[in-house]
């Protein structure tokens, strides 16, 4: 699923510390979006 995000642009929060990627429907991966949060210069997956 992460490889499918390679060429996509996220929706960024106003402060630029949260990035949300909408995901295509997938029967194996039920989430509709994946959210990353930037903490001290590094990105972490929220889900």
C-alpha atoms as a PDB file:
ATOM      1  CA  UNK A   1       0.000   0.000   0.000  1.00  0.00           C
ATOM      2  CA  UNK A   2       2.820   2.429   0.800  1.00  0.00           C
ATOM      3  CA  UNK A   3       4.352   1.935  -2.652  1.00  0.00           C
ATOM      4  CA  UNK A   4       1.084   3.118  -4.218  1.00  0.00           C
ATOM      5  CA  UNK A   5       1.579   6.526  -2.512  1.00  0.00           C
ATOM      6  CA  UNK A   6       4.901   7.185  -4.240  1.00  0.00           C
ATOM      7  CA  UNK A   7       3.530   9.506  -6.952  1.00  0.00           C
ATOM      8  CA  UNK A   8       0.536  10.910  -5.047  1.00  0.00           C
ATOM      9  CA  UNK A   9       0.318  14.272  -3.308  1.00  0.00           C
ATOM     10  CA  UNK A  10      -1.106  14.394   0.231  1.00  0.00           C
ATOM     11  CA  UNK A  11      -3.519  16.840   1.782  1.00  0.00           C
ATOM     12  CA  UNK A  12      -1.395  18.830   4.232  1.00  0.00           C
ATOM     13  CA  UNK A  13      -2.650  20.400   7.436  1.00  0.00           C
ATOM     14  CA  UNK A  14      -2.316  24.165   7.839  1.00  0.00           C
ATOM     15  CA  UNK A  15       0.810  23.789   9.984  1.00  0.00           C
ATOM     16  CA  UNK A  16       2.339  21.284   7.529  1.00  0.00           C
ATOM     17  CA  UNK A  17       2.824  18.626  10.205  1.00  0.00           C
ATOM     18  CA  UNK A  18       0.060  16.233   9.112  1.00  0.00           C
ATOM     19  CA  UNK A  19      -0.190  14.644   5.666  1.00  0.00           C
ATOM     20  CA  UNK A  20      -3.241  12.609   4.623  1.00  0.00           C
ATOM     21  CA  UNK A  21      -3.247  10.336   1.594  1.00  0.00           C
ATOM     22  CA  UNK A  22      -6.574   9.050   0.262  1.00  0.00           C
ATOM     23  CA  UNK A  23      -6.314   5.375  -0.631  1.00  0.00           C
ATOM     24  CA  UNK A  24      -8.006   3.428  -3.415  1.00  0.00           C
ATOM     25  CA  UNK A  25     -10.446   0.739  -2.341  1.00  0.00           C
ATOM     26  CA  UNK A  26      -8.653  -2.477  -1.532  1.00  0.00           C
ATOM     27  CA  UNK A  27     -10.252  -5.654  -0.116  1.00  0.00           C
ATOM     28  CA  UNK A  28      -7.042  -6.523   1.775  1.00  0.00           C
ATOM     29  CA  UNK A  29      -6.468  -3.063   3.311  1.00  0.00           C
ATOM     30  CA  UNK A  30      -9.716  -1.636   4.688  1.00  0.00           C
ATOM     31  CA  UNK A  31      -8.515   1.908   5.535  1.00  0.00           C
ATOM     32  CA  UNK A  32      -9.717   4.753   3.297  1.00  0.00           C
ATOM     33  CA  UNK A  33      -6.783   7.030   4.103  1.00  0.00           C
ATOM     34  CA  UNK A  34      -3.354   6.877   5.648  1.00  0.00           C
ATOM     35  CA  UNK A  35      -2.151   9.730   7.864  1.00  0.00           C
ATOM     36  CA  UNK A  36       1.432  10.746   8.610  1.00  0.00           C
ATOM     37  CA  UNK A  37       2.529  13.165  11.350  1.00  0.00           C
ATOM     38  CA  UNK A  38       5.820  15.039  11.380  1.00  0.00           C
ATOM     39  CA  UNK A  39       7.520  15.032  14.787  1.00  0.00           C
ATOM     40  CA  UNK A  40      10.933  16.638  15.245  1.00  0.00           C
ATOM     41  CA  UNK A  41      11.603  16.532  11.502  1.00  0.00           C
ATOM     42  CA  UNK A  42      10.613  12.880  10.966  1.00  0.00           C
ATOM     43  CA  UNK A  43       7.389  11.453   9.513  1.00  0.00           C
ATOM     44  CA  UNK A  44       5.446   8.791  11.419  1.00  0.00           C
ATOM     45  CA  UNK A  45       2.365   6.809  10.382  1.00  0.00           C
ATOM     46  CA  UNK A  46      -0.665   7.614  12.568  1.00  0.00           C
ATOM     47  CA  UNK A  47      -2.965   4.743  11.585  1.00  0.00           C
END
